[in-house]
Amino acid sequence: MISTSSPFTAEPAPCGHAVDGRRHQENDDAGLLIDDRVYACGCRVIRHEYHDGSVRIKTIRHDGKVLADEHSGNHEA
């Protein structure tokens, strides 16, 4: 599994503020992709793309409120 982590600057967070943060990605080159963005304010966006092509995206505001939990395809996490 290939893993990378990199900072980003002044991107819009789910709460609406433009803040810095860190992006962590993992990829197994067989179809599994994990993309996790953590913002300085505490917001988070987690995207999982599974081997069967289905996708799950979870958006969490810095106060812990889940703003979105989207699923596509047959995979349910």
PDB file of N, CA and C in Angstrom:
ATOM      1  N   MET A   1       0.844  -1.167   0.000  1.00  0.00           N
ATOM      2  CA  MET A   1       0.000   0.000   0.000  1.00  0.00           C
ATOM      3  C   MET A   1       0.892   1.233   0.000  1.00  0.00           C
ATOM      4  N   ILE A   2       0.574   2.168  -0.870  1.00  0.00           N
ATOM      5  CA  ILE A   2       1.306   3.419  -0.979  1.00  0.00           C
ATOM      6  C   ILE A   2       0.600   4.467  -0.126  1.00  0.00           C
ATOM      7  N   SER A   3       1.358   5.172   0.693  1.00  0.00           N
ATOM      8  CA  SER A   3       0.793   6.166   1.603  1.00  0.00           C
ATOM      9  C   SER A   3       1.534   7.487   1.445  1.00  0.00           C
ATOM     10  N   THR A   4       0.772   8.583   1.317  1.00  0.00           N
ATOM     11  CA  THR A   4       1.370   9.911   1.257  1.00  0.00           C
ATOM     12  C   THR A   4       0.611  10.853   2.183  1.00  0.00           C
ATOM     13  N   SER A   5       1.315  11.824   2.693  1.00  0.00           N
ATOM     14  CA  SER A   5       0.715  12.833   3.553  1.00  0.00           C
ATOM     15  C   SER A   5       1.317  14.177   3.185  1.00  0.00           C
ATOM     16  N   SER A   6       0.457  15.183   3.007  1.00  0.00           N
ATOM     17  CA  SER A   6       0.964  16.493   2.614  1.00  0.00           C
ATOM     18  C   SER A   6       0.080  17.599   3.185  1.00  0.00           C
ATOM     19  N   PRO A   7       0.681  18.748   3.456  1.00  0.00           N
ATOM     20  CA  PRO A   7      -0.095  19.880   3.969  1.00  0.00           C
ATOM     21  C   PRO A   7      -0.803  20.615   2.835  1.00  0.00           C
ATOM     22  N   PHE A   8      -1.866  21.337   3.185  1.00  0.00           N
ATOM     23  CA  PHE A   8      -2.497  22.250   2.243  1.00  0.00           C
ATOM     24  C   PHE A   8      -2.760  23.565   2.970  1.00  0.00           C
ATOM     25  N   THR A   9      -2.946  24.631   2.199  1.00  0.00           N
ATOM     26  CA  THR A   9      -3.156  25.948   2.807  1.00  0.00           C
ATOM     27  C   THR A   9      -4.425  26.595   2.280  1.00  0.00           C
ATOM     28  N   ALA A  10      -5.120  27.266   3.181  1.00  0.00           N
ATOM     29  CA  ALA A  10      -6.284  28.106   2.883  1.00  0.00           C
ATOM     30  C   ALA A  10      -7.316  27.435   1.981  1.00  0.00           C
ATOM     31  N   GLU A  11      -7.685  26.210   2.292  1.00  0.00           N
ATOM     32  CA  GLU A  11      -8.757  25.531   1.563  1.00  0.00           C
ATOM     33  C   GLU A  11     -10.050  25.650   2.358  1.00  0.00           C
ATOM     34  N   PRO A  12     -11.193  25.721   1.669  1.00  0.00           N
ATOM     35  CA  PRO A  12     -12.462  25.827   2.387  1.00  0.00           C
ATOM     36  C   PRO A  12     -12.795  24.537   3.138  1.00  0.00           C
ATOM     37  N   ALA A  13     -12.998  24.665   4.429  1.00  0.00           N
ATOM     38  CA  ALA A  13     -13.380  23.531   5.272  1.00  0.00           C
ATOM     39  C   ALA A  13     -14.899  23.365   5.218  1.00  0.00           C
ATOM     40  N   PRO A  14     -15.416  22.225   5.650  1.00  0.00           N
ATOM     41  CA  PRO A  14     -16.863  22.017   5.669  1.00  0.00           C
ATOM     42  C   PRO A  14     -17.632  23.074   6.467  1.00  0.00           C
ATOM     43  N   CYS A  15     -16.999  23.724   7.433  1.00  0.00           N
ATOM     44  CA  CYS A  15     -17.667  24.759   8.234  1.00  0.00           C
ATOM     45  C   CYS A  15     -17.724  26.100   7.508  1.00  0.00           C
ATOM     46  N   GLY A  16     -17.023  26.207   6.366  1.00  0.00           N
ATOM     47  CA  GLY A  16     -17.043  27.437   5.591  1.00  0.00           C
ATOM     48  C   GLY A  16     -15.809  28.300   5.731  1.00  0.00           C
ATOM     49  N   HIS A  17     -14.969  28.033   6.706  1.00  0.00           N
ATOM     50  CA  HIS A  17     -13.744  28.812   6.896  1.00  0.00           C
ATOM     51  C   HIS A  17     -12.645  28.305   5.960  1.00  0.00           C
ATOM     52  N   ALA A  18     -11.808  29.214   5.496  1.00  0.00           N
ATOM     53  CA  ALA A  18     -10.637  28.841   4.698  1.00  0.00           C
ATOM     54  C   ALA A  18      -9.476  28.635   5.665  1.00  0.00           C
ATOM     55  N   VAL A  19      -9.042  27.391   5.811  1.00  0.00           N
ATOM     56  CA  VAL A  19      -7.998  27.060   6.787  1.00  0.00           C
ATOM     57  C   VAL A  19      -6.966  26.117   6.180  1.00  0.00           C
ATOM     58  N   ASP A  20      -5.842  26.008   6.870  1.00  0.00           N
ATOM     59  CA  ASP A  20      -4.803  25.057   6.490  1.00  0.00           C
ATOM     60  C   ASP A  20      -5.201  23.672   6.986  1.00  0.00           C
ATOM     61  N   GLY A  21      -4.457  22.688   6.553  1.00  0.00           N
ATOM     62  CA  GLY A  21      -4.729  21.337   7.016  1.00  0.00           C
ATOM     63  C   GLY A  21      -3.746  20.340   6.456  1.00  0.00           C
ATOM     64  N   ARG A  22      -4.118  19.089   6.547  1.00  0.00           N
ATOM     65  CA  ARG A  22      -3.250  17.998   6.106  1.00  0.00           C
ATOM     66  C   ARG A  22      -4.091  16.968   5.363  1.00  0.00           C
ATOM     67  N   ARG A  23      -3.548  16.453   4.271  1.00  0.00           N
ATOM     68  CA  ARG A  23      -4.218  15.443   3.458  1.00  0.00           C
ATOM     69  C   ARG A  23      -3.401  14.162   3.500  1.00  0.00           C
ATOM     70  N   HIS A  24      -4.073  13.067   3.833  1.00  0.00           N
ATOM     71  CA  HIS A  24      -3.426  11.757   3.891  1.00  0.00           C
ATOM     72  C   HIS A  24      -4.107  10.856   2.869  1.00  0.00           C
ATOM     73  N   GLN A  25      -3.314  10.231   2.001  1.00  0.00           N
ATOM     74  CA  GLN A  25      -3.854   9.338   0.979  1.00  0.00           C
ATOM     75  C   GLN A  25      -3.161   7.989   1.039  1.00  0.00           C
ATOM     76  N   GLU A  26      -3.949   6.937   0.854  1.00  0.00           N
ATOM     77  CA  GLU A  26      -3.427   5.579   0.746  1.00  0.00           C
ATOM     78  C   GLU A  26      -4.042   4.939  -0.485  1.00  0.00           C
ATOM     79  N   ASN A  27      -3.228   4.140  -1.196  1.00  0.00           N
ATOM     80  CA  ASN A  27      -3.666   3.516  -2.432  1.00  0.00           C
ATOM     81  C   ASN A  27      -2.979   2.165  -2.545  1.00  0.00           C
ATOM     82  N   ASP A  28      -3.757   1.112  -2.795  1.00  0.00           N
ATOM     83  CA  ASP A  28      -3.138  -0.211  -2.907  1.00  0.00           C
ATOM     84  C   ASP A  28      -2.921  -0.642  -4.358  1.00  0.00           C
ATOM     85  N   ASP A  29      -3.140   0.261  -5.315  1.00  0.00           N
ATOM     86  CA  ASP A  29      -2.960   0.002  -6.747  1.00  0.00           C
ATOM     87  C   ASP A  29      -3.844  -1.119  -7.272  1.00  0.00           C
ATOM     88  N   ALA A  30      -4.816  -1.563  -6.492  1.00  0.00           N
ATOM     89  CA  ALA A  30      -5.765  -2.577  -6.948  1.00  0.00           C
ATOM     90  C   ALA A  30      -7.194  -2.040  -6.868  1.00  0.00           C
ATOM     91  N   GLY A  31      -7.330  -0.742  -6.620  1.00  0.00           N
ATOM     92  CA  GLY A  31      -8.648  -0.137  -6.596  1.00  0.00           C
ATOM     93  C   GLY A  31      -9.057   0.480  -5.278  1.00  0.00           C
ATOM     94  N   LEU A  32      -8.340   0.210  -4.196  1.00  0.00           N
ATOM     95  CA  LEU A  32      -8.678   0.812  -2.906  1.00  0.00           C
ATOM     96  C   LEU A  32      -7.959   2.151  -2.770  1.00  0.00           C
ATOM     97  N   LEU A  33      -8.727   3.200  -2.507  1.00  0.00           N
ATOM     98  CA  LEU A  33      -8.161   4.529  -2.328  1.00  0.00           C
ATOM     99  C   LEU A  33      -8.779   5.153  -1.085  1.00  0.00           C
ATOM    100  N   ILE A  34      -7.947   5.636  -0.182  1.00  0.00           N
ATOM    101  CA  ILE A  34      -8.389   6.335   1.019  1.00  0.00           C
ATOM    102  C   ILE A  34      -7.832   7.750   0.946  1.00  0.00           C
ATOM    103  N   ASP A  35      -8.716   8.727   1.058  1.00  0.00           N
ATOM    104  CA  ASP A  35      -8.332  10.138   1.007  1.00  0.00           C
ATOM    105  C   ASP A  35      -8.930  10.811   2.234  1.00  0.00           C
ATOM    106  N   ASP A  36      -8.094  11.251   3.152  1.00  0.00           N
ATOM    107  CA  ASP A  36      -8.526  11.807   4.432  1.00  0.00           C
ATOM    108  C   ASP A  36      -7.971  13.218   4.560  1.00  0.00           C
ATOM    109  N   ARG A  37      -8.860  14.221   4.623  1.00  0.00           N
ATOM    110  CA  ARG A  37      -8.443  15.611   4.790  1.00  0.00           C
ATOM    111  C   ARG A  37      -8.850  16.087   6.180  1.00  0.00           C
ATOM    112  N   VAL A  38      -7.870  16.563   6.940  1.00  0.00           N
ATOM    113  CA  VAL A  38      -8.111  17.076   8.290  1.00  0.00           C
ATOM    114  C   VAL A  38      -7.737  18.556   8.286  1.00  0.00           C
ATOM    115  N   TYR A  39      -8.694  19.394   8.653  1.00  0.00           N
ATOM    116  CA  TYR A  39      -8.514  20.842   8.632  1.00  0.00           C
ATOM    117  C   TYR A  39      -8.095  21.354  10.006  1.00  0.00           C
ATOM    118  N   ALA A  40      -7.378  22.471  10.035  1.00  0.00           N
ATOM    119  CA  ALA A  40      -6.882  23.044  11.289  1.00  0.00           C
ATOM    120  C   ALA A  40      -8.009  23.378  12.265  1.00  0.00           C
ATOM    121  N   CYS A  41      -9.197  23.659  11.760  1.00  0.00           N
ATOM    122  CA  CYS A  41     -10.339  23.991  12.618  1.00  0.00           C
ATOM    123  C   CYS A  41     -10.946  22.748  13.269  1.00  0.00           C
ATOM    124  N   GLY A  42     -10.562  21.557  12.778  1.00  0.00           N
ATOM    125  CA  GLY A  42     -11.092  20.312  13.326  1.00  0.00           C
ATOM    126  C   GLY A  42     -12.051  19.598  12.394  1.00  0.00           C
ATOM    127  N   CYS A  43     -12.449  20.244  11.299  1.00  0.00           N
ATOM    128  CA  CYS A  43     -13.316  19.590  10.316  1.00  0.00           C
ATOM    129  C   CYS A  43     -12.548  18.471   9.619  1.00  0.00           C
ATOM    130  N   ARG A  44     -13.309  17.558   9.011  1.00  0.00           N
ATOM    131  CA  ARG A  44     -12.675  16.417   8.354  1.00  0.00           C
ATOM    132  C   ARG A  44     -13.542  15.915   7.198  1.00  0.00           C
ATOM    133  N   VAL A  45     -12.902  15.508   6.112  1.00  0.00           N
ATOM    134  CA  VAL A  45     -13.577  14.867   4.989  1.00  0.00           C
ATOM    135  C   VAL A  45     -12.846  13.563   4.708  1.00  0.00           C
ATOM    136  N   ILE A  46     -13.586  12.456   4.747  1.00  0.00           N
ATOM    137  CA  ILE A  46     -13.008  11.132   4.538  1.00  0.00           C
ATOM    138  C   ILE A  46     -13.648  10.530   3.294  1.00  0.00           C
ATOM    139  N   ARG A  47     -12.819  10.127   2.336  1.00  0.00           N
ATOM    140  CA  ARG A  47     -13.324   9.515   1.100  1.00  0.00           C
ATOM    141  C   ARG A  47     -12.664   8.156   0.927  1.00  0.00           C
ATOM    142  N   HIS A  48     -13.488   7.116   0.811  1.00  0.00           N
ATOM    143  CA  HIS A  48     -12.998   5.761   0.558  1.00  0.00           C
ATOM    144  C   HIS A  48     -13.553   5.292  -0.774  1.00  0.00           C
ATOM    145  N   GLU A  49     -12.678   4.864  -1.653  1.00  0.00           N
ATOM    146  CA  GLU A  49     -13.099   4.237  -2.903  1.00  0.00           C
ATOM    147  C   GLU A  49     -12.650   2.785  -2.828  1.00  0.00           C
ATOM    148  N   TYR A  50     -13.621   1.870  -2.942  1.00  0.00           N
ATOM    149  CA  TYR A  50     -13.354   0.452  -2.734  1.00  0.00           C
ATOM    150  C   TYR A  50     -13.052  -0.272  -4.041  1.00  0.00           C
ATOM    151  N   HIS A  51     -12.563  -1.506  -3.908  1.00  0.00           N
ATOM    152  CA  HIS A  51     -12.167  -2.318  -5.056  1.00  0.00           C
ATOM    153  C   HIS A  51     -13.308  -2.523  -6.049  1.00  0.00           C
ATOM    154  N   ASP A  52     -14.550  -2.543  -5.566  1.00  0.00           N
ATOM    155  CA  ASP A  52     -15.691  -2.760  -6.459  1.00  0.00           C
ATOM    156  C   ASP A  52     -16.160  -1.473  -7.133  1.00  0.00           C
ATOM    157  N   GLY A  53     -15.466  -0.363  -6.891  1.00  0.00           N
ATOM    158  CA  GLY A  53     -15.804   0.909  -7.516  1.00  0.00           C
ATOM    159  C   GLY A  53     -16.758   1.771  -6.709  1.00  0.00           C
ATOM    160  N   SER A  54     -17.295   1.238  -5.628  1.00  0.00           N
ATOM    161  CA  SER A  54     -18.199   2.028  -4.799  1.00  0.00           C
ATOM    162  C   SER A  54     -17.401   3.055  -3.992  1.00  0.00           C
ATOM    163  N   VAL A  55     -18.091   4.109  -3.578  1.00  0.00           N
ATOM    164  CA  VAL A  55     -17.442   5.227  -2.899  1.00  0.00           C
ATOM    165  C   VAL A  55     -18.249   5.600  -1.657  1.00  0.00           C
ATOM    166  N   ARG A  56     -17.546   5.959  -0.586  1.00  0.00           N
ATOM    167  CA  ARG A  56     -18.172   6.510   0.615  1.00  0.00           C
ATOM    168  C   ARG A  56     -17.447   7.800   0.964  1.00  0.00           C
ATOM    169  N   ILE A  57     -18.228   8.859   1.154  1.00  0.00           N
ATOM    170  CA  ILE A  57     -17.675  10.155   1.531  1.00  0.00           C
ATOM    171  C   ILE A  57     -18.381  10.614   2.802  1.00  0.00           C
ATOM    172  N   LYS A  58     -17.596  10.887   3.830  1.00  0.00           N
ATOM    173  CA  LYS A  58     -18.143  11.352   5.103  1.00  0.00           C
ATOM    174  C   LYS A  58     -17.551  12.724   5.406  1.00  0.00           C
ATOM    175  N   THR A  59     -18.432  13.697   5.653  1.00  0.00           N
ATOM    176  CA  THR A  59     -18.024  15.065   5.941  1.00  0.00           C
ATOM    177  C   THR A  59     -18.423  15.400   7.372  1.00  0.00           C
ATOM    178  N   ILE A  60     -17.432  15.795   8.187  1.00  0.00           N
ATOM    179  CA  ILE A  60     -17.652  16.041   9.611  1.00  0.00           C
ATOM    180  C   ILE A  60     -17.182  17.454   9.953  1.00  0.00           C
ATOM    181  N   ARG A  61     -18.074  18.233  10.552  1.00  0.00           N
ATOM    182  CA  ARG A  61     -17.729  19.586  10.995  1.00  0.00           C
ATOM    183  C   ARG A  61     -16.908  19.516  12.280  1.00  0.00           C
ATOM    184  N   HIS A  62     -16.180  20.579  12.597  1.00  0.00           N
ATOM    185  CA  HIS A  62     -15.270  20.603  13.750  1.00  0.00           C
ATOM    186  C   HIS A  62     -15.964  20.367  15.090  1.00  0.00           C
ATOM    187  N   ASP A  63     -17.265  20.541  15.172  1.00  0.00           N
ATOM    188  CA  ASP A  63     -17.989  20.277  16.421  1.00  0.00           C
ATOM    189  C   ASP A  63     -18.490  18.836  16.511  1.00  0.00           C
ATOM    190  N   GLY A  64     -18.124  18.022  15.508  1.00  0.00           N
ATOM    191  CA  GLY A  64     -18.492  16.610  15.517  1.00  0.00           C
ATOM    192  C   GLY A  64     -19.752  16.280  14.745  1.00  0.00           C
ATOM    193  N   LYS A  65     -20.479  17.289  14.291  1.00  0.00           N
ATOM    194  CA  LYS A  65     -21.707  17.039  13.538  1.00  0.00           C
ATOM    195  C   LYS A  65     -21.368  16.471  12.159  1.00  0.00           C
ATOM    196  N   VAL A  66     -22.009  15.358  11.816  1.00  0.00           N
ATOM    197  CA  VAL A  66     -21.829  14.752  10.501  1.00  0.00           C
ATOM    198  C   VAL A  66     -22.709  15.520   9.521  1.00  0.00           C
ATOM    199  N   LEU A  67     -22.093  16.201   8.566  1.00  0.00           N
ATOM    200  CA  LEU A  67     -22.826  16.990   7.585  1.00  0.00           C
ATOM    201  C   LEU A  67     -23.297  16.144   6.419  1.00  0.00           C
ATOM    202  N   ALA A  68     -22.546  15.116   6.080  1.00  0.00           N
ATOM    203  CA  ALA A  68     -22.916  14.223   4.983  1.00  0.00           C
ATOM    204  C   ALA A  68     -22.248  12.876   5.194  1.00  0.00           C
ATOM    205  N   ASP A  69     -22.959  11.829   4.821  1.00  0.00           N
ATOM    206  CA  ASP A  69     -22.413  10.468   4.845  1.00  0.00           C
ATOM    207  C   ASP A  69     -22.983   9.771   3.619  1.00  0.00           C
ATOM    208  N   GLU A  70     -22.294   9.941   2.496  1.00  0.00           N
ATOM    209  CA  GLU A  70     -22.787   9.495   1.201  1.00  0.00           C
ATOM    210  C   GLU A  70     -22.185   8.147   0.825  1.00  0.00           C
ATOM    211  N   HIS A  71     -23.011   7.289   0.248  1.00  0.00           N
ATOM    212  CA  HIS A  71     -22.590   5.967  -0.204  1.00  0.00           C
ATOM    213  C   HIS A  71     -23.006   5.805  -1.662  1.00  0.00           C
ATOM    214  N   SER A  72     -22.176   5.169  -2.452  1.00  0.00           N
ATOM    215  CA  SER A  72     -22.554   4.804  -3.807  1.00  0.00           C
ATOM    216  C   SER A  72     -22.163   3.355  -4.037  1.00  0.00           C
ATOM    217  N   GLY A  73     -22.861   2.681  -4.887  1.00  0.00           N
ATOM    218  CA  GLY A  73     -22.560   1.282  -5.181  1.00  0.00           C
ATOM    219  C   GLY A  73     -23.121   0.350  -4.137  1.00  0.00           C
ATOM    220  N   ASN A  74     -22.644  -0.873  -4.132  1.00  0.00           N
ATOM    221  CA  ASN A  74     -23.168  -1.915  -3.259  1.00  0.00           C
ATOM    222  C   ASN A  74     -22.486  -1.977  -1.909  1.00  0.00           C
ATOM    223  N   HIS A  75     -21.374  -1.284  -1.749  1.00  0.00           N
ATOM    224  CA  HIS A  75     -20.596  -1.393  -0.509  1.00  0.00           C
ATOM    225  C   HIS A  75     -21.169  -0.495   0.577  1.00  0.00           C
ATOM    226  N   GLU A  76     -21.413  -1.035   1.725  1.00  0.00           N
ATOM    227  CA  GLU A  76     -21.844  -0.266   2.892  1.00  0.00           C
ATOM    228  C   GLU A  76     -20.822  -0.487   3.986  1.00  0.00           C
ATOM    229  N   ALA A  77     -20.186   0.590   4.454  1.00  0.00           N
ATOM    230  CA  ALA A  77     -19.164   0.471   5.498  1.00  0.00           C
ATOM    231  C   ALA A  77     -19.790   0.450   6.865  1.00  0.00           C
TER     232      ALA A  77
END
